Amino acid sequence: MIIYVNGEETSCDQGITLEALVEELGYEKVKIAVEVNGDIVPKAEYEGCVLGEADKLEVVTFVGGG
């Protein structure tokens, strides 16, 4: 199925969870925030969040600095 991650078309398996997608894309869960179709998904809900065709995700990474 096709979803959109940060505006880019991405192919993934039907019924994939947000948890699995984050891992597949190589993100470190503790360093990101994810919005699905305009709603922020709490990290505790990633495993139960099943993605659907044409969902739009925005992944924001946190970067430390000093």
PDB file of N, CA and C in Angstrom:
ATOM      1  N   MET A   1       0.842  -1.174   0.000  1.00  0.00           N
ATOM      2  CA  MET A   1       0.000   0.000   0.000  1.00  0.00           C
ATOM      3  C   MET A   1       0.885   1.234   0.000  1.00  0.00           C
ATOM      4  N   ILE A   2       0.320   2.351  -0.356  1.00  0.00           N
ATOM      5  CA  ILE A   2       1.051   3.613  -0.432  1.00  0.00           C
ATOM      6  C   ILE A   2       0.617   4.526   0.708  1.00  0.00           C
ATOM      7  N   ILE A   3       1.607   5.069   1.433  1.00  0.00           N
ATOM      8  CA  ILE A   3       1.378   6.092   2.437  1.00  0.00           C
ATOM      9  C   ILE A   3       2.339   7.235   2.125  1.00  0.00           C
ATOM     10  N   TYR A   4       2.215   8.313   2.862  1.00  0.00           N
ATOM     11  CA  TYR A   4       3.094   9.468   2.654  1.00  0.00           C
ATOM     12  C   TYR A   4       3.801   9.792   3.962  1.00  0.00           C
ATOM     13  N   VAL A   5       5.123   9.815   3.914  1.00  0.00           N
ATOM     14  CA  VAL A   5       5.934  10.127   5.087  1.00  0.00           C
ATOM     15  C   VAL A   5       6.699  11.404   4.786  1.00  0.00           C
ATOM     16  N   ASN A   6       6.401  12.444   5.544  1.00  0.00           N
ATOM     17  CA  ASN A   6       7.022  13.760   5.338  1.00  0.00           C
ATOM     18  C   ASN A   6       6.895  14.205   3.884  1.00  0.00           C
ATOM     19  N   GLY A   7       5.724  13.957   3.305  1.00  0.00           N
ATOM     20  CA  GLY A   7       5.431  14.393   1.946  1.00  0.00           C
ATOM     21  C   GLY A   7       5.927  13.471   0.850  1.00  0.00           C
ATOM     22  N   GLU A   8       6.663  12.427   1.210  1.00  0.00           N
ATOM     23  CA  GLU A   8       7.212  11.500   0.228  1.00  0.00           C
ATOM     24  C   GLU A   8       6.363  10.236   0.156  1.00  0.00           C
ATOM     25  N   GLU A   9       6.021   9.819  -1.057  1.00  0.00           N
ATOM     26  CA  GLU A   9       5.273   8.579  -1.240  1.00  0.00           C
ATOM     27  C   GLU A   9       6.143   7.405  -0.799  1.00  0.00           C
ATOM     28  N   THR A  10       5.567   6.530   0.028  1.00  0.00           N
ATOM     29  CA  THR A  10       6.293   5.385   0.567  1.00  0.00           C
ATOM     30  C   THR A  10       5.430   4.142   0.446  1.00  0.00           C
ATOM     31  N   SER A  11       6.033   3.054   0.007  1.00  0.00           N
ATOM     32  CA  SER A  11       5.327   1.782  -0.107  1.00  0.00           C
ATOM     33  C   SER A  11       5.576   0.963   1.153  1.00  0.00           C
ATOM     34  N   CYS A  12       4.516   0.326   1.673  1.00  0.00           N
ATOM     35  CA  CYS A  12       4.664  -0.530   2.854  1.00  0.00           C
ATOM     36  C   CYS A  12       3.606  -1.623   2.814  1.00  0.00           C
ATOM     37  N   ASP A  13       3.741  -2.593   3.706  1.00  0.00           N
ATOM     38  CA  ASP A  13       2.806  -3.706   3.762  1.00  0.00           C
ATOM     39  C   ASP A  13       1.441  -3.262   4.281  1.00  0.00           C
ATOM     40  N   GLN A  14       0.392  -3.844   3.739  1.00  0.00           N
ATOM     41  CA  GLN A  14      -0.964  -3.603   4.214  1.00  0.00           C
ATOM     42  C   GLN A  14      -1.055  -3.998   5.683  1.00  0.00           C
ATOM     43  N   GLY A  15      -1.672  -3.166   6.505  1.00  0.00           N
ATOM     44  CA  GLY A  15      -1.874  -3.481   7.913  1.00  0.00           C
ATOM     45  C   GLY A  15      -0.665  -3.270   8.804  1.00  0.00           C
ATOM     46  N   ILE A  16       0.370  -2.591   8.294  1.00  0.00           N
ATOM     47  CA  ILE A  16       1.560  -2.339   9.106  1.00  0.00           C
ATOM     48  C   ILE A  16       1.209  -1.392  10.246  1.00  0.00           C
ATOM     49  N   THR A  17       1.844  -1.609  11.385  1.00  0.00           N
ATOM     50  CA  THR A  17       1.630  -0.710  12.519  1.00  0.00           C
ATOM     51  C   THR A  17       2.640   0.434  12.455  1.00  0.00           C
ATOM     52  N   LEU A  18       2.325   1.495  13.143  1.00  0.00           N
ATOM     53  CA  LEU A  18       3.245   2.626  13.207  1.00  0.00           C
ATOM     54  C   LEU A  18       4.561   2.190  13.846  1.00  0.00           C
ATOM     55  N   GLU A  19       4.486   1.333  14.859  1.00  0.00           N
ATOM     56  CA  GLU A  19       5.693   0.805  15.511  1.00  0.00           C
ATOM     57  C   GLU A  19       6.606   0.120  14.495  1.00  0.00           C
ATOM     58  N   ALA A  20       6.029  -0.760  13.673  1.00  0.00           N
ATOM     59  CA  ALA A  20       6.819  -1.502  12.677  1.00  0.00           C
ATOM     60  C   ALA A  20       7.375  -0.571  11.607  1.00  0.00           C
ATOM     61  N   LEU A  21       6.591   0.407  11.181  1.00  0.00           N
ATOM     62  CA  LEU A  21       7.056   1.335  10.152  1.00  0.00           C
ATOM     63  C   LEU A  21       8.223   2.171  10.659  1.00  0.00           C
ATOM     64  N   VAL A  22       8.107   2.679  11.875  1.00  0.00           N
ATOM     65  CA  VAL A  22       9.179   3.480  12.470  1.00  0.00           C
ATOM     66  C   VAL A  22      10.477   2.667  12.494  1.00  0.00           C
ATOM     67  N   GLU A  23      10.367   1.403  12.899  1.00  0.00           N
ATOM     68  CA  GLU A  23      11.538   0.528  12.934  1.00  0.00           C
ATOM     69  C   GLU A  23      12.072   0.281  11.520  1.00  0.00           C
ATOM     70  N   GLU A  24      11.162   0.007  10.583  1.00  0.00           N
ATOM     71  CA  GLU A  24      11.550  -0.268   9.194  1.00  0.00           C
ATOM     72  C   GLU A  24      12.274   0.916   8.563  1.00  0.00           C
ATOM     73  N   LEU A  25      11.839   2.125   8.903  1.00  0.00           N
ATOM     74  CA  LEU A  25      12.442   3.330   8.331  1.00  0.00           C
ATOM     75  C   LEU A  25      13.725   3.746   9.056  1.00  0.00           C
ATOM     76  N   GLY A  26      14.047   3.063  10.155  1.00  0.00           N
ATOM     77  CA  GLY A  26      15.309   3.315  10.842  1.00  0.00           C
ATOM     78  C   GLY A  26      15.302   4.462  11.842  1.00  0.00           C
ATOM     79  N   TYR A  27      14.121   4.891  12.256  1.00  0.00           N
ATOM     80  CA  TYR A  27      14.047   5.961  13.256  1.00  0.00           C
ATOM     81  C   TYR A  27      14.234   5.386  14.652  1.00  0.00           C
ATOM     82  N   GLU A  28      14.824   6.188  15.550  1.00  0.00           N
ATOM     83  CA  GLU A  28      14.915   5.829  16.959  1.00  0.00           C
ATOM     84  C   GLU A  28      13.675   6.392  17.636  1.00  0.00           C
ATOM     85  N   LYS A  29      12.846   5.505  18.148  1.00  0.00           N
ATOM     86  CA  LYS A  29      11.548   5.892  18.705  1.00  0.00           C
ATOM     87  C   LYS A  29      11.649   6.986  19.771  1.00  0.00           C
ATOM     88  N   VAL A  30      12.693   6.953  20.576  1.00  0.00           N
ATOM     89  CA  VAL A  30      12.821   7.933  21.658  1.00  0.00           C
ATOM     90  C   VAL A  30      13.170   9.334  21.154  1.00  0.00           C
ATOM     91  N   LYS A  31      13.604   9.425  19.883  1.00  0.00           N
ATOM     92  CA  LYS A  31      14.044  10.714  19.350  1.00  0.00           C
ATOM     93  C   LYS A  31      13.090  11.310  18.321  1.00  0.00           C
ATOM     94  N   ILE A  32      11.844  10.797  18.266  1.00  0.00           N
ATOM     95  CA  ILE A  32      10.910  11.298  17.261  1.00  0.00           C
ATOM     96  C   ILE A  32       9.537  11.565  17.864  1.00  0.00           C
ATOM     97  N   ALA A  33       8.760  12.326  17.116  1.00  0.00           N
ATOM     98  CA  ALA A  33       7.323  12.492  17.349  1.00  0.00           C
ATOM     99  C   ALA A  33       6.670  12.240  16.001  1.00  0.00           C
ATOM    100  N   VAL A  34       5.508  11.571  16.010  1.00  0.00           N
ATOM    101  CA  VAL A  34       4.842  11.230  14.760  1.00  0.00           C
ATOM    102  C   VAL A  34       3.400  11.717  14.781  1.00  0.00           C
ATOM    103  N   GLU A  35       3.031  12.339  13.679  1.00  0.00           N
ATOM    104  CA  GLU A  35       1.662  12.795  13.453  1.00  0.00           C
ATOM    105  C   GLU A  35       1.095  11.954  12.313  1.00  0.00           C
ATOM    106  N   VAL A  36      -0.088  11.399  12.518  1.00  0.00           N
ATOM    107  CA  VAL A  36      -0.769  10.619  11.483  1.00  0.00           C
ATOM    108  C   VAL A  36      -2.068  11.325  11.137  1.00  0.00           C
ATOM    109  N   ASN A  37      -2.179  11.753   9.896  1.00  0.00           N
ATOM    110  CA  ASN A  37      -3.371  12.458   9.418  1.00  0.00           C
ATOM    111  C   ASN A  37      -3.747  13.632  10.310  1.00  0.00           C
ATOM    112  N   GLY A  38      -2.733  14.361  10.760  1.00  0.00           N
ATOM    113  CA  GLY A  38      -2.966  15.577  11.530  1.00  0.00           C
ATOM    114  C   GLY A  38      -3.043  15.395  13.032  1.00  0.00           C
ATOM    115  N   ASP A  39      -2.994  14.153  13.526  1.00  0.00           N
ATOM    116  CA  ASP A  39      -3.069  13.893  14.962  1.00  0.00           C
ATOM    117  C   ASP A  39      -1.765  13.299  15.471  1.00  0.00           C
ATOM    118  N   ILE A  40      -1.241  13.868  16.562  1.00  0.00           N
ATOM    119  CA  ILE A  40      -0.030  13.323  17.169  1.00  0.00           C
ATOM    120  C   ILE A  40      -0.381  12.004  17.838  1.00  0.00           C
ATOM    121  N   VAL A  41       0.441  10.988  17.580  1.00  0.00           N
ATOM    122  CA  VAL A  41       0.223   9.662  18.168  1.00  0.00           C
ATOM    123  C   VAL A  41       1.211   9.492  19.322  1.00  0.00           C
ATOM    124  N   PRO A  42       0.704   9.275  20.547  1.00  0.00           N
ATOM    125  CA  PRO A  42       1.610   9.029  21.674  1.00  0.00           C
ATOM    126  C   PRO A  42       2.430   7.762  21.440  1.00  0.00           C
ATOM    127  N   LYS A  43       3.675   7.765  21.883  1.00  0.00           N
ATOM    128  CA  LYS A  43       4.558   6.610  21.670  1.00  0.00           C
ATOM    129  C   LYS A  43       3.938   5.315  22.197  1.00  0.00           C
ATOM    130  N   ALA A  44       3.208   5.379  23.281  1.00  0.00           N
ATOM    131  CA  ALA A  44       2.580   4.192  23.869  1.00  0.00           C
ATOM    132  C   ALA A  44       1.540   3.569  22.938  1.00  0.00           C
ATOM    133  N   GLU A  45       1.094   4.329  21.931  1.00  0.00           N
ATOM    134  CA  GLU A  45       0.065   3.836  21.011  1.00  0.00           C
ATOM    135  C   GLU A  45       0.611   3.409  19.652  1.00  0.00           C
ATOM    136  N   TYR A  46       1.928   3.513  19.441  1.00  0.00           N
ATOM    137  CA  TYR A  46       2.513   3.152  18.145  1.00  0.00           C
ATOM    138  C   TYR A  46       2.192   1.715  17.758  1.00  0.00           C
ATOM    139  N   GLU A  47       2.295   0.790  18.725  1.00  0.00           N
ATOM    140  CA  GLU A  47       2.089  -0.629  18.435  1.00  0.00           C
ATOM    141  C   GLU A  47       0.652  -0.926  18.006  1.00  0.00           C
ATOM    142  N   GLY A  48      -0.303  -0.189  18.522  1.00  0.00           N
ATOM    143  CA  GLY A  48      -1.703  -0.428  18.189  1.00  0.00           C
ATOM    144  C   GLY A  48      -2.229   0.431  17.051  1.00  0.00           C
ATOM    145  N   CYS A  49      -1.395   1.312  16.525  1.00  0.00           N
ATOM    146  CA  CYS A  49      -1.817   2.209  15.447  1.00  0.00           C
ATOM    147  C   CYS A  49      -1.559   1.537  14.096  1.00  0.00           C
ATOM    148  N   VAL A  50      -2.630   1.017  13.490  1.00  0.00           N
ATOM    149  CA  VAL A  50      -2.517   0.355  12.191  1.00  0.00           C
ATOM    150  C   VAL A  50      -2.718   1.401  11.097  1.00  0.00           C
ATOM    151  N   LEU A  51      -1.771   1.459  10.181  1.00  0.00           N
ATOM    152  CA  LEU A  51      -1.819   2.452   9.114  1.00  0.00           C
ATOM    153  C   LEU A  51      -2.669   1.960   7.955  1.00  0.00           C
ATOM    154  N   GLY A  52      -3.276   2.907   7.252  1.00  0.00           N
ATOM    155  CA  GLY A  52      -4.124   2.581   6.116  1.00  0.00           C
ATOM    156  C   GLY A  52      -3.647   3.265   4.847  1.00  0.00           C
ATOM    157  N   GLU A  53      -4.204   2.835   3.732  1.00  0.00           N
ATOM    158  CA  GLU A  53      -3.878   3.382   2.418  1.00  0.00           C
ATOM    159  C   GLU A  53      -3.998   4.906   2.427  1.00  0.00           C
ATOM    160  N   ALA A  54      -2.975   5.570   1.899  1.00  0.00           N
ATOM    161  CA  ALA A  54      -2.917   7.025   1.710  1.00  0.00           C
ATOM    162  C   ALA A  54      -2.817   7.819   3.009  1.00  0.00           C
ATOM    163  N   ASP A  55      -2.527   7.152   4.146  1.00  0.00           N
ATOM    164  CA  ASP A  55      -2.300   7.907   5.382  1.00  0.00           C
ATOM    165  C   ASP A  55      -1.136   8.858   5.172  1.00  0.00           C
ATOM    166  N   LYS A  56      -1.211   9.989   5.862  1.00  0.00           N
ATOM    167  CA  LYS A  56      -0.159  11.003   5.767  1.00  0.00           C
ATOM    168  C   LYS A  56       0.511  11.131   7.133  1.00  0.00           C
ATOM    169  N   LEU A  57       1.817  10.838   7.168  1.00  0.00           N
ATOM    170  CA  LEU A  57       2.593  10.896   8.391  1.00  0.00           C
ATOM    171  C   LEU A  57       3.606  12.018   8.321  1.00  0.00           C
ATOM    172  N   GLU A  58       3.787  12.670   9.435  1.00  0.00           N
ATOM    173  CA  GLU A  58       4.869  13.643   9.593  1.00  0.00           C
ATOM    174  C   GLU A  58       5.715  13.140  10.744  1.00  0.00           C
ATOM    175  N   VAL A  59       6.988  12.905  10.478  1.00  0.00           N
ATOM    176  CA  VAL A  59       7.918  12.433  11.499  1.00  0.00           C
ATOM    177  C   VAL A  59       8.877  13.560  11.794  1.00  0.00           C
ATOM    178  N   VAL A  60       8.939  13.956  13.066  1.00  0.00           N
ATOM    179  CA  VAL A  60       9.818  15.027  13.491  1.00  0.00           C
ATOM    180  C   VAL A  60      10.880  14.420  14.399  1.00  0.00           C
ATOM    181  N   THR A  61      12.138  14.691  14.086  1.00  0.00           N
ATOM    182  CA  THR A  61      13.231  14.180  14.917  1.00  0.00           C
ATOM    183  C   THR A  61      13.735  15.271  15.836  1.00  0.00           C
ATOM    184  N   PHE A  62      14.122  14.864  17.028  1.00  0.00           N
ATOM    185  CA  PHE A  62      14.670  15.792  18.004  1.00  0.00           C
ATOM    186  C   PHE A  62      16.192  15.730  17.927  1.00  0.00           C
ATOM    187  N   VAL A  63      16.798  16.898  17.881  1.00  0.00           N
ATOM    188  CA  VAL A  63      18.247  16.979  17.783  1.00  0.00           C
ATOM    189  C   VAL A  63      18.758  17.797  18.953  1.00  0.00           C
ATOM    190  N   GLY A  64      19.701  17.220  19.701  1.00  0.00           N
ATOM    191  CA  GLY A  64      20.292  17.945  20.809  1.00  0.00           C
ATOM    192  C   GLY A  64      21.389  18.862  20.319  1.00  0.00           C
ATOM    193  N   GLY A  65      21.652  19.875  21.043  1.00  0.00           N
ATOM    194  CA  GLY A  65      22.710  20.793  20.653  1.00  0.00           C
ATOM    195  C   GLY A  65      23.208  21.563  21.868  1.00  0.00           C
ATOM    196  N   GLY A  66      24.169  22.343  21.627  1.00  0.00           N
ATOM    197  CA  GLY A  66      24.652  23.090  22.770  1.00  0.00           C
ATOM    198  C   GLY A  66      25.564  24.188  22.380  1.00  0.00           C
TER     199      GLY A  66
END
